[in-house]
Amino acid sequence: MSKHENQSLISALHDCMAACNHCYDSCLKEDDVKMMAECIRLDRECADICGFFEQALLRDTPFKAELAKVCAEICEACGKECEKHDHDHCQECAKACFNCAKECRKVA
């Protein structure tokens, strides 16, 4: 598959990675960091898999479907955790995660 055929997925992965990194950094600055621990952990997991999957797609990985399935699961978990918190950065992250999970499921 060409980069063009994967563009919406690549964009969703990149946007999700950026949102998770922003959320992670912002959560570390919250007054009650312990309350944000699971959000922080999942932000890292999600940003890492999205970044890896984006790079793998650009290399035309033969494991596209398998990676998409795992990525969708992690994005969904991160989105569910982020939506529990009222912070703007968490809400924006949840939206990006759910969008990315949707795009991943199209190819999983």
PDB file of N, CA and C in Angstrom:
ATOM      1  N   MET A   1       0.833  -1.181   0.000  1.00  0.00           N
ATOM      2  CA  MET A   1       0.000   0.000   0.000  1.00  0.00           C
ATOM      3  C   MET A   1       0.881   1.250   0.000  1.00  0.00           C
ATOM      4  N   SER A   2       0.434   2.241  -0.694  1.00  0.00           N
ATOM      5  CA  SER A   2       1.204   3.470  -0.774  1.00  0.00           C
ATOM      6  C   SER A   2       0.882   4.382   0.405  1.00  0.00           C
ATOM      7  N   LYS A   3       1.739   5.377   0.598  1.00  0.00           N
ATOM      8  CA  LYS A   3       1.513   6.362   1.644  1.00  0.00           C
ATOM      9  C   LYS A   3       0.169   7.053   1.432  1.00  0.00           C
ATOM     10  N   HIS A   4      -0.172   7.330   0.188  1.00  0.00           N
ATOM     11  CA  HIS A   4      -1.434   7.997  -0.127  1.00  0.00           C
ATOM     12  C   HIS A   4      -2.630   7.167   0.335  1.00  0.00           C
ATOM     13  N   GLU A   5      -2.576   5.851   0.134  1.00  0.00           N
ATOM     14  CA  GLU A   5      -3.673   4.973   0.539  1.00  0.00           C
ATOM     15  C   GLU A   5      -3.837   4.934   2.055  1.00  0.00           C
ATOM     16  N   ASN A   6      -2.765   5.190   2.785  1.00  0.00           N
ATOM     17  CA  ASN A   6      -2.773   5.155   4.243  1.00  0.00           C
ATOM     18  C   ASN A   6      -2.864   6.543   4.875  1.00  0.00           C
ATOM     19  N   GLN A   7      -3.069   7.589   4.078  1.00  0.00           N
ATOM     20  CA  GLN A   7      -2.929   8.951   4.590  1.00  0.00           C
ATOM     21  C   GLN A   7      -3.861   9.275   5.751  1.00  0.00           C
ATOM     22  N   SER A   8      -5.119   8.867   5.688  1.00  0.00           N
ATOM     23  CA  SER A   8      -6.031   9.199   6.793  1.00  0.00           C
ATOM     24  C   SER A   8      -5.613   8.475   8.069  1.00  0.00           C
ATOM     25  N   LEU A   9      -5.134   7.245   7.936  1.00  0.00           N
ATOM     26  CA  LEU A   9      -4.648   6.508   9.102  1.00  0.00           C
ATOM     27  C   LEU A   9      -3.371   7.144   9.645  1.00  0.00           C
ATOM     28  N   ILE A  10      -2.448   7.487   8.763  1.00  0.00           N
ATOM     29  CA  ILE A  10      -1.194   8.123   9.186  1.00  0.00           C
ATOM     30  C   ILE A  10      -1.476   9.442   9.898  1.00  0.00           C
ATOM     31  N   SER A  11      -2.399  10.225   9.356  1.00  0.00           N
ATOM     32  CA  SER A  11      -2.768  11.501   9.992  1.00  0.00           C
ATOM     33  C   SER A  11      -3.380  11.274  11.369  1.00  0.00           C
ATOM     34  N   ALA A  12      -4.271  10.286  11.479  1.00  0.00           N
ATOM     35  CA  ALA A  12      -4.909   9.987  12.766  1.00  0.00           C
ATOM     36  C   ALA A  12      -3.869   9.516  13.781  1.00  0.00           C
ATOM     37  N   LEU A  13      -2.929   8.691  13.355  1.00  0.00           N
ATOM     38  CA  LEU A  13      -1.868   8.214  14.239  1.00  0.00           C
ATOM     39  C   LEU A  13      -1.010   9.377  14.728  1.00  0.00           C
ATOM     40  N   HIS A  14      -0.648  10.246  13.798  1.00  0.00           N
ATOM     41  CA  HIS A  14       0.199  11.379  14.155  1.00  0.00           C
ATOM     42  C   HIS A  14      -0.531  12.327  15.115  1.00  0.00           C
ATOM     43  N   ASP A  15      -1.794  12.617  14.820  1.00  0.00           N
ATOM     44  CA  ASP A  15      -2.589  13.491  15.681  1.00  0.00           C
ATOM     45  C   ASP A  15      -2.767  12.886  17.065  1.00  0.00           C
ATOM     46  N   CYS A  16      -3.004  11.596  17.122  1.00  0.00           N
ATOM     47  CA  CYS A  16      -3.187  10.914  18.404  1.00  0.00           C
ATOM     48  C   CYS A  16      -1.894  10.936  19.214  1.00  0.00           C
ATOM     49  N   MET A  17      -0.779  10.660  18.554  1.00  0.00           N
ATOM     50  CA  MET A  17       0.515  10.694  19.238  1.00  0.00           C
ATOM     51  C   MET A  17       0.764  12.079  19.824  1.00  0.00           C
ATOM     52  N   ALA A  18       0.502  13.119  19.052  1.00  0.00           N
ATOM     53  CA  ALA A  18       0.718  14.490  19.523  1.00  0.00           C
ATOM     54  C   ALA A  18      -0.214  14.813  20.692  1.00  0.00           C
ATOM     55  N   ALA A  19      -1.487  14.411  20.598  1.00  0.00           N
ATOM     56  CA  ALA A  19      -2.447  14.674  21.678  1.00  0.00           C
ATOM     57  C   ALA A  19      -2.053  13.934  22.949  1.00  0.00           C
ATOM     58  N   CYS A  20      -1.611  12.698  22.807  1.00  0.00           N
ATOM     59  CA  CYS A  20      -1.196  11.909  23.975  1.00  0.00           C
ATOM     60  C   CYS A  20       0.051  12.509  24.619  1.00  0.00           C
ATOM     61  N   ASN A  21       0.994  12.951  23.816  1.00  0.00           N
ATOM     62  CA  ASN A  21       2.194  13.576  24.372  1.00  0.00           C
ATOM     63  C   ASN A  21       1.853  14.869  25.101  1.00  0.00           C
ATOM     64  N   HIS A  22       0.941  15.649  24.549  1.00  0.00           N
ATOM     65  CA  HIS A  22       0.504  16.887  25.208  1.00  0.00           C
ATOM     66  C   HIS A  22      -0.227  16.570  26.517  1.00  0.00           C
ATOM     67  N   CYS A  23      -1.108  15.587  26.475  1.00  0.00           N
ATOM     68  CA  CYS A  23      -1.867  15.195  27.657  1.00  0.00           C
ATOM     69  C   CYS A  23      -0.925  14.677  28.744  1.00  0.00           C
ATOM     70  N   TYR A  24       0.009  13.829  28.356  1.00  0.00           N
ATOM     71  CA  TYR A  24       1.003  13.286  29.280  1.00  0.00           C
ATOM     72  C   TYR A  24       1.752  14.417  29.993  1.00  0.00           C
ATOM     73  N   ASP A  25       2.246  15.359  29.218  1.00  0.00           N
ATOM     74  CA  ASP A  25       3.002  16.477  29.771  1.00  0.00           C
ATOM     75  C   ASP A  25       2.120  17.343  30.673  1.00  0.00           C
ATOM     76  N   SER A  26       0.902  17.596  30.245  1.00  0.00           N
ATOM     77  CA  SER A  26      -0.020  18.414  31.031  1.00  0.00           C
ATOM     78  C   SER A  26      -0.442  17.710  32.319  1.00  0.00           C
ATOM     79  N   CYS A  27      -0.663  16.407  32.257  1.00  0.00           N
ATOM     80  CA  CYS A  27      -1.045  15.647  33.457  1.00  0.00           C
ATOM     81  C   CYS A  27       0.049  15.700  34.515  1.00  0.00           C
ATOM     82  N   LEU A  28       1.297  15.702  34.073  1.00  0.00           N
ATOM     83  CA  LEU A  28       2.414  15.768  35.017  1.00  0.00           C
ATOM     84  C   LEU A  28       2.450  17.097  35.769  1.00  0.00           C
ATOM     85  N   LYS A  29       1.784  18.107  35.225  1.00  0.00           N
ATOM     86  CA  LYS A  29       1.757  19.426  35.852  1.00  0.00           C
ATOM     87  C   LYS A  29       0.513  19.644  36.722  1.00  0.00           C
ATOM     88  N   GLU A  30      -0.376  18.662  36.761  1.00  0.00           N
ATOM     89  CA  GLU A  30      -1.592  18.783  37.573  1.00  0.00           C
ATOM     90  C   GLU A  30      -1.233  18.715  39.057  1.00  0.00           C
ATOM     91  N   ASP A  31      -2.096  19.306  39.881  1.00  0.00           N
ATOM     92  CA  ASP A  31      -1.864  19.320  41.326  1.00  0.00           C
ATOM     93  C   ASP A  31      -1.839  17.912  41.920  1.00  0.00           C
ATOM     94  N   ASP A  32      -2.745  17.060  41.475  1.00  0.00           N
ATOM     95  CA  ASP A  32      -2.823  15.695  42.005  1.00  0.00           C
ATOM     96  C   ASP A  32      -2.329  14.710  40.946  1.00  0.00           C
ATOM     97  N   VAL A  33      -1.026  14.612  40.831  1.00  0.00           N
ATOM     98  CA  VAL A  33      -0.426  13.751  39.810  1.00  0.00           C
ATOM     99  C   VAL A  33      -0.787  12.282  40.047  1.00  0.00           C
ATOM    100  N   LYS A  34      -0.884  11.878  41.313  1.00  0.00           N
ATOM    101  CA  LYS A  34      -1.236  10.480  41.603  1.00  0.00           C
ATOM    102  C   LYS A  34      -2.605  10.123  41.024  1.00  0.00           C
ATOM    103  N   MET A  35      -3.544  11.068  41.069  1.00  0.00           N
ATOM    104  CA  MET A  35      -4.871  10.817  40.514  1.00  0.00           C
ATOM    105  C   MET A  35      -4.785  10.622  38.988  1.00  0.00           C
ATOM    106  N   MET A  36      -3.760  11.196  38.368  1.00  0.00           N
ATOM    107  CA  MET A  36      -3.608  11.137  36.916  1.00  0.00           C
ATOM    108  C   MET A  36      -2.698   9.992  36.456  1.00  0.00           C
ATOM    109  N   ALA A  37      -2.253   9.155  37.379  1.00  0.00           N
ATOM    110  CA  ALA A  37      -1.247   8.126  37.069  1.00  0.00           C
ATOM    111  C   ALA A  37      -1.665   7.215  35.916  1.00  0.00           C
ATOM    112  N   GLU A  38      -2.886   6.713  35.933  1.00  0.00           N
ATOM    113  CA  GLU A  38      -3.322   5.802  34.871  1.00  0.00           C
ATOM    114  C   GLU A  38      -3.428   6.536  33.538  1.00  0.00           C
ATOM    115  N   CYS A  39      -3.874   7.778  33.585  1.00  0.00           N
ATOM    116  CA  CYS A  39      -3.956   8.588  32.373  1.00  0.00           C
ATOM    117  C   CYS A  39      -2.548   8.790  31.788  1.00  0.00           C
ATOM    118  N   ILE A  40      -1.609   9.119  32.639  1.00  0.00           N
ATOM    119  CA  ILE A  40      -0.225   9.330  32.209  1.00  0.00           C
ATOM    120  C   ILE A  40       0.338   8.048  31.595  1.00  0.00           C
ATOM    121  N   ARG A  41       0.120   6.923  32.269  1.00  0.00           N
ATOM    122  CA  ARG A  41       0.646   5.643  31.771  1.00  0.00           C
ATOM    123  C   ARG A  41       0.068   5.313  30.401  1.00  0.00           C
ATOM    124  N   LEU A  42      -1.250   5.460  30.261  1.00  0.00           N
ATOM    125  CA  LEU A  42      -1.880   5.135  28.984  1.00  0.00           C
ATOM    126  C   LEU A  42      -1.516   6.137  27.887  1.00  0.00           C
ATOM    127  N   ASP A  43      -1.320   7.409  28.261  1.00  0.00           N
ATOM    128  CA  ASP A  43      -0.835   8.385  27.280  1.00  0.00           C
ATOM    129  C   ASP A  43       0.492   7.921  26.684  1.00  0.00           C
ATOM    130  N   ARG A  44       1.381   7.435  27.526  1.00  0.00           N
ATOM    131  CA  ARG A  44       2.695   6.977  27.042  1.00  0.00           C
ATOM    132  C   ARG A  44       2.539   5.763  26.144  1.00  0.00           C
ATOM    133  N   GLU A  45       1.756   4.789  26.597  1.00  0.00           N
ATOM    134  CA  GLU A  45       1.526   3.575  25.795  1.00  0.00           C
ATOM    135  C   GLU A  45       0.967   3.938  24.423  1.00  0.00           C
ATOM    136  N   CYS A  46      -0.027   4.808  24.434  1.00  0.00           N
ATOM    137  CA  CYS A  46      -0.716   5.171  23.198  1.00  0.00           C
ATOM    138  C   CYS A  46       0.202   5.967  22.268  1.00  0.00           C
ATOM    139  N   ALA A  47       0.904   6.952  22.807  1.00  0.00           N
ATOM    140  CA  ALA A  47       1.830   7.737  21.973  1.00  0.00           C
ATOM    141  C   ALA A  47       2.890   6.836  21.354  1.00  0.00           C
ATOM    142  N   ASP A  48       3.397   5.901  22.138  1.00  0.00           N
ATOM    143  CA  ASP A  48       4.449   5.002  21.632  1.00  0.00           C
ATOM    144  C   ASP A  48       3.945   4.108  20.507  1.00  0.00           C
ATOM    145  N   ILE A  49       2.768   3.490  20.693  1.00  0.00           N
ATOM    146  CA  ILE A  49       2.275   2.590  19.642  1.00  0.00           C
ATOM    147  C   ILE A  49       1.883   3.377  18.396  1.00  0.00           C
ATOM    148  N   CYS A  50       1.315   4.558  18.577  1.00  0.00           N
ATOM    149  CA  CYS A  50       0.945   5.366  17.412  1.00  0.00           C
ATOM    150  C   CYS A  50       2.184   5.794  16.616  1.00  0.00           C
ATOM    151  N   GLY A  51       3.218   6.216  17.330  1.00  0.00           N
ATOM    152  CA  GLY A  51       4.458   6.600  16.663  1.00  0.00           C
ATOM    153  C   GLY A  51       5.098   5.428  15.932  1.00  0.00           C
ATOM    154  N   PHE A  52       5.119   4.275  16.600  1.00  0.00           N
ATOM    155  CA  PHE A  52       5.692   3.087  15.974  1.00  0.00           C
ATOM    156  C   PHE A  52       4.885   2.678  14.746  1.00  0.00           C
ATOM    157  N   PHE A  53       3.563   2.646  14.886  1.00  0.00           N
ATOM    158  CA  PHE A  53       2.713   2.217  13.776  1.00  0.00           C
ATOM    159  C   PHE A  53       2.815   3.180  12.602  1.00  0.00           C
ATOM    160  N   GLU A  54       2.893   4.469  12.880  1.00  0.00           N
ATOM    161  CA  GLU A  54       3.058   5.453  11.804  1.00  0.00           C
ATOM    162  C   GLU A  54       4.343   5.168  11.025  1.00  0.00           C
ATOM    163  N   GLN A  55       5.426   4.956  11.736  1.00  0.00           N
ATOM    164  CA  GLN A  55       6.698   4.664  11.070  1.00  0.00           C
ATOM    165  C   GLN A  55       6.634   3.348  10.299  1.00  0.00           C
ATOM    166  N   ALA A  56       5.991   2.351  10.886  1.00  0.00           N
ATOM    167  CA  ALA A  56       5.880   1.047  10.211  1.00  0.00           C
ATOM    168  C   ALA A  56       5.081   1.169   8.920  1.00  0.00           C
ATOM    169  N   LEU A  57       4.022   1.974   8.939  1.00  0.00           N
ATOM    170  CA  LEU A  57       3.241   2.180   7.715  1.00  0.00           C
ATOM    171  C   LEU A  57       4.073   2.859   6.639  1.00  0.00           C
ATOM    172  N   LEU A  58       4.899   3.813   7.047  1.00  0.00           N
ATOM    173  CA  LEU A  58       5.749   4.506   6.076  1.00  0.00           C
ATOM    174  C   LEU A  58       6.798   3.566   5.481  1.00  0.00           C
ATOM    175  N   ARG A  59       7.109   2.492   6.208  1.00  0.00           N
ATOM    176  CA  ARG A  59       8.031   1.462   5.697  1.00  0.00           C
ATOM    177  C   ARG A  59       7.290   0.350   4.973  1.00  0.00           C
ATOM    178  N   ASP A  60       5.962   0.492   4.854  1.00  0.00           N
ATOM    179  CA  ASP A  60       5.116  -0.507   4.194  1.00  0.00           C
ATOM    180  C   ASP A  60       5.182  -1.857   4.904  1.00  0.00           C
ATOM    181  N   THR A  61       4.941  -1.829   6.200  1.00  0.00           N
ATOM    182  CA  THR A  61       4.983  -3.039   7.015  1.00  0.00           C
ATOM    183  C   THR A  61       4.038  -4.127   6.511  1.00  0.00           C
ATOM    184  N   PRO A  62       4.474  -5.375   6.567  1.00  0.00           N
ATOM    185  CA  PRO A  62       3.558  -6.466   6.228  1.00  0.00           C
ATOM    186  C   PRO A  62       2.629  -6.814   7.405  1.00  0.00           C
ATOM    187  N   PHE A  63       2.808  -6.153   8.550  1.00  0.00           N
ATOM    188  CA  PHE A  63       2.019  -6.434   9.748  1.00  0.00           C
ATOM    189  C   PHE A  63       0.965  -5.359  10.019  1.00  0.00           C
ATOM    190  N   LYS A  64       0.508  -4.728   8.972  1.00  0.00           N
ATOM    191  CA  LYS A  64      -0.431  -3.604   9.097  1.00  0.00           C
ATOM    192  C   LYS A  64      -1.686  -3.986   9.888  1.00  0.00           C
ATOM    193  N   ALA A  65      -2.325  -5.082   9.535  1.00  0.00           N
ATOM    194  CA  ALA A  65      -3.571  -5.481  10.201  1.00  0.00           C
ATOM    195  C   ALA A  65      -3.338  -5.802  11.675  1.00  0.00           C
ATOM    196  N   GLU A  66      -2.263  -6.496  11.959  1.00  0.00           N
ATOM    197  CA  GLU A  66      -1.968  -6.876  13.345  1.00  0.00           C
ATOM    198  C   GLU A  66      -1.669  -5.644  14.202  1.00  0.00           C
ATOM    199  N   LEU A  67      -0.857  -4.749  13.677  1.00  0.00           N
ATOM    200  CA  LEU A  67      -0.529  -3.526  14.411  1.00  0.00           C
ATOM    201  C   LEU A  67      -1.757  -2.642  14.579  1.00  0.00           C
ATOM    202  N   ALA A  68      -2.598  -2.594  13.553  1.00  0.00           N
ATOM    203  CA  ALA A  68      -3.816  -1.787  13.631  1.00  0.00           C
ATOM    204  C   ALA A  68      -4.727  -2.290  14.742  1.00  0.00           C
ATOM    205  N   LYS A  69      -4.825  -3.592  14.901  1.00  0.00           N
ATOM    206  CA  LYS A  69      -5.680  -4.173  15.946  1.00  0.00           C
ATOM    207  C   LYS A  69      -5.166  -3.782  17.334  1.00  0.00           C
ATOM    208  N   VAL A  70      -3.874  -3.947  17.557  1.00  0.00           N
ATOM    209  CA  VAL A  70      -3.281  -3.605  18.849  1.00  0.00           C
ATOM    210  C   VAL A  70      -3.397  -2.105  19.103  1.00  0.00           C
ATOM    211  N   CYS A  71      -3.109  -1.316  18.099  1.00  0.00           N
ATOM    212  CA  CYS A  71      -3.174   0.135  18.232  1.00  0.00           C
ATOM    213  C   CYS A  71      -4.597   0.580  18.571  1.00  0.00           C
ATOM    214  N   ALA A  72      -5.586   0.015  17.915  1.00  0.00           N
ATOM    215  CA  ALA A  72      -6.984   0.369  18.186  1.00  0.00           C
ATOM    216  C   ALA A  72      -7.345   0.074  19.642  1.00  0.00           C
ATOM    217  N   GLU A  73      -6.898  -1.066  20.155  1.00  0.00           N
ATOM    218  CA  GLU A  73      -7.193  -1.444  21.540  1.00  0.00           C
ATOM    219  C   GLU A  73      -6.560  -0.467  22.533  1.00  0.00           C
ATOM    220  N   ILE A  74      -5.315  -0.091  22.280  1.00  0.00           N
ATOM    221  CA  ILE A  74      -4.616   0.836  23.177  1.00  0.00           C
ATOM    222  C   ILE A  74      -5.229   2.228  23.087  1.00  0.00           C
ATOM    223  N   CYS A  75      -5.542   2.683  21.877  1.00  0.00           N
ATOM    224  CA  CYS A  75      -6.174   3.991  21.710  1.00  0.00           C
ATOM    225  C   CYS A  75      -7.520   4.036  22.422  1.00  0.00           C
ATOM    226  N   GLU A  76      -8.294   2.983  22.307  1.00  0.00           N
ATOM    227  CA  GLU A  76      -9.600   2.919  22.960  1.00  0.00           C
ATOM    228  C   GLU A  76      -9.436   2.986  24.490  1.00  0.00           C
ATOM    229  N   ALA A  77      -8.483   2.249  25.025  1.00  0.00           N
ATOM    230  CA  ALA A  77      -8.243   2.264  26.476  1.00  0.00           C
ATOM    231  C   ALA A  77      -7.810   3.651  26.941  1.00  0.00           C
ATOM    232  N   CYS A  78      -6.935   4.278  26.190  1.00  0.00           N
ATOM    233  CA  CYS A  78      -6.460   5.613  26.542  1.00  0.00           C
ATOM    234  C   CYS A  78      -7.605   6.617  26.456  1.00  0.00           C
ATOM    235  N   GLY A  79      -8.395   6.535  25.413  1.00  0.00           N
ATOM    236  CA  GLY A  79      -9.531   7.431  25.262  1.00  0.00           C
ATOM    237  C   GLY A  79     -10.529   7.299  26.397  1.00  0.00           C
ATOM    238  N   LYS A  80     -10.803   6.072  26.806  1.00  0.00           N
ATOM    239  CA  LYS A  80     -11.745   5.841  27.916  1.00  0.00           C
ATOM    240  C   LYS A  80     -11.217   6.425  29.220  1.00  0.00           C
ATOM    241  N   GLU A  81      -9.916   6.288  29.450  1.00  0.00           N
ATOM    242  CA  GLU A  81      -9.330   6.859  30.669  1.00  0.00           C
ATOM    243  C   GLU A  81      -9.346   8.386  30.602  1.00  0.00           C
ATOM    244  N   CYS A  82      -8.932   8.944  29.481  1.00  0.00           N
ATOM    245  CA  CYS A  82      -8.868  10.401  29.359  1.00  0.00           C
ATOM    246  C   CYS A  82     -10.242  11.049  29.496  1.00  0.00           C
ATOM    247  N   GLU A  83     -11.275  10.415  28.959  1.00  0.00           N
ATOM    248  CA  GLU A  83     -12.597  11.031  29.015  1.00  0.00           C
ATOM    249  C   GLU A  83     -13.153  11.094  30.444  1.00  0.00           C
ATOM    250  N   LYS A  84     -12.553  10.382  31.377  1.00  0.00           N
ATOM    251  CA  LYS A  84     -12.967  10.431  32.788  1.00  0.00           C
ATOM    252  C   LYS A  84     -12.580  11.758  33.444  1.00  0.00           C
ATOM    253  N   HIS A  85     -11.620  12.463  32.865  1.00  0.00           N
ATOM    254  CA  HIS A  85     -11.066  13.676  33.471  1.00  0.00           C
ATOM    255  C   HIS A  85     -11.592  14.914  32.747  1.00  0.00           C
ATOM    256  N   ASP A  86     -11.892  15.951  33.514  1.00  0.00           N
ATOM    257  CA  ASP A  86     -12.487  17.166  32.955  1.00  0.00           C
ATOM    258  C   ASP A  86     -11.488  18.111  32.298  1.00  0.00           C
ATOM    259  N   HIS A  87     -10.216  17.861  32.454  1.00  0.00           N
ATOM    260  CA  HIS A  87      -9.205  18.754  31.888  1.00  0.00           C
ATOM    261  C   HIS A  87      -9.352  18.803  30.366  1.00  0.00           C
ATOM    262  N   ASP A  88      -9.172  19.987  29.795  1.00  0.00           N
ATOM    263  CA  ASP A  88      -9.276  20.144  28.337  1.00  0.00           C
ATOM    264  C   ASP A  88      -8.315  19.220  27.608  1.00  0.00           C
ATOM    265  N   HIS A  89      -7.096  19.116  28.124  1.00  0.00           N
ATOM    266  CA  HIS A  89      -6.098  18.270  27.442  1.00  0.00           C
ATOM    267  C   HIS A  89      -6.529  16.804  27.441  1.00  0.00           C
ATOM    268  N   CYS A  90      -7.198  16.357  28.493  1.00  0.00           N
ATOM    269  CA  CYS A  90      -7.684  14.978  28.537  1.00  0.00           C
ATOM    270  C   CYS A  90      -8.839  14.779  27.558  1.00  0.00           C
ATOM    271  N   GLN A  91      -9.736  15.746  27.498  1.00  0.00           N
ATOM    272  CA  GLN A  91     -10.879  15.640  26.593  1.00  0.00           C
ATOM    273  C   GLN A  91     -10.437  15.650  25.129  1.00  0.00           C
ATOM    274  N   GLU A  92      -9.468  16.507  24.808  1.00  0.00           N
ATOM    275  CA  GLU A  92      -8.938  16.545  23.434  1.00  0.00           C
ATOM    276  C   GLU A  92      -8.207  15.249  23.101  1.00  0.00           C
ATOM    277  N   CYS A  93      -7.488  14.729  24.068  1.00  0.00           N
ATOM    278  CA  CYS A  93      -6.771  13.466  23.865  1.00  0.00           C
ATOM    279  C   CYS A  93      -7.766  12.333  23.617  1.00  0.00           C
ATOM    280  N   ALA A  94      -8.830  12.293  24.398  1.00  0.00           N
ATOM    281  CA  ALA A  94      -9.841  11.251  24.216  1.00  0.00           C
ATOM    282  C   ALA A  94     -10.402  11.287  22.794  1.00  0.00           C
ATOM    283  N   LYS A  95     -10.712  12.470  22.299  1.00  0.00           N
ATOM    284  CA  LYS A  95     -11.235  12.604  20.930  1.00  0.00           C
ATOM    285  C   LYS A  95     -10.237  12.063  19.907  1.00  0.00           C
ATOM    286  N   ALA A  96      -8.969  12.432  20.063  1.00  0.00           N
ATOM    287  CA  ALA A  96      -7.937  11.966  19.128  1.00  0.00           C
ATOM    288  C   ALA A  96      -7.775  10.452  19.217  1.00  0.00           C
ATOM    289  N   CYS A  97      -7.838   9.914  20.420  1.00  0.00           N
ATOM    290  CA  CYS A  97      -7.697   8.466  20.611  1.00  0.00           C
ATOM    291  C   CYS A  97      -8.848   7.702  19.956  1.00  0.00           C
ATOM    292  N   PHE A  98     -10.074   8.182  20.184  1.00  0.00           N
ATOM    293  CA  PHE A  98     -11.231   7.497  19.597  1.00  0.00           C
ATOM    294  C   PHE A  98     -11.221   7.588  18.076  1.00  0.00           C
ATOM    295  N   ASN A  99     -10.791   8.718  17.532  1.00  0.00           N
ATOM    296  CA  ASN A  99     -10.676   8.851  16.080  1.00  0.00           C
ATOM    297  C   ASN A  99      -9.618   7.892  15.535  1.00  0.00           C
ATOM    298  N   CYS A 100      -8.501   7.814  16.216  1.00  0.00           N
ATOM    299  CA  CYS A 100      -7.426   6.924  15.771  1.00  0.00           C
ATOM    300  C   CYS A 100      -7.869   5.463  15.844  1.00  0.00           C
ATOM    301  N   ALA A 101      -8.561   5.103  16.921  1.00  0.00           N
ATOM    302  CA  ALA A 101      -9.059   3.724  17.051  1.00  0.00           C
ATOM    303  C   ALA A 101      -9.996   3.386  15.881  1.00  0.00           C
ATOM    304  N   LYS A 102     -10.845   4.341  15.518  1.00  0.00           N
ATOM    305  CA  LYS A 102     -11.783   4.148  14.403  1.00  0.00           C
ATOM    306  C   LYS A 102     -11.012   3.916  13.091  1.00  0.00           C
ATOM    307  N   GLU A 103      -9.990   4.740  12.853  1.00  0.00           N
ATOM    308  CA  GLU A 103      -9.190   4.593  11.626  1.00  0.00           C
ATOM    309  C   GLU A 103      -8.429   3.267  11.626  1.00  0.00           C
ATOM    310  N   CYS A 104      -7.914   2.871  12.778  1.00  0.00           N
ATOM    311  CA  CYS A 104      -7.187   1.592  12.871  1.00  0.00           C
ATOM    312  C   CYS A 104      -8.100   0.413  12.581  1.00  0.00           C
ATOM    313  N   ARG A 105      -9.320   0.486  13.089  1.00  0.00           N
ATOM    314  CA  ARG A 105     -10.261  -0.636  12.883  1.00  0.00           C
ATOM    315  C   ARG A 105     -10.634  -0.820  11.414  1.00  0.00           C
ATOM    316  N   LYS A 106     -10.507   0.225  10.638  1.00  0.00           N
ATOM    317  CA  LYS A 106     -10.801   0.113   9.194  1.00  0.00           C
ATOM    318  C   LYS A 106      -9.818  -0.831   8.492  1.00  0.00           C
ATOM    319  N   VAL A 107      -8.624  -0.978   9.050  1.00  0.00           N
ATOM    320  CA  VAL A 107      -7.613  -1.830   8.408  1.00  0.00           C
ATOM    321  C   VAL A 107      -7.245  -3.048   9.244  1.00  0.00           C
ATOM    322  N   ALA A 108      -7.818  -3.137  10.451  1.00  0.00           N
ATOM    323  CA  ALA A 108      -7.468  -4.269  11.332  1.00  0.00           C
ATOM    324  C   ALA A 108      -8.069  -5.568  10.849  1.00  0.00           C
TER     325      ALA A 108
END
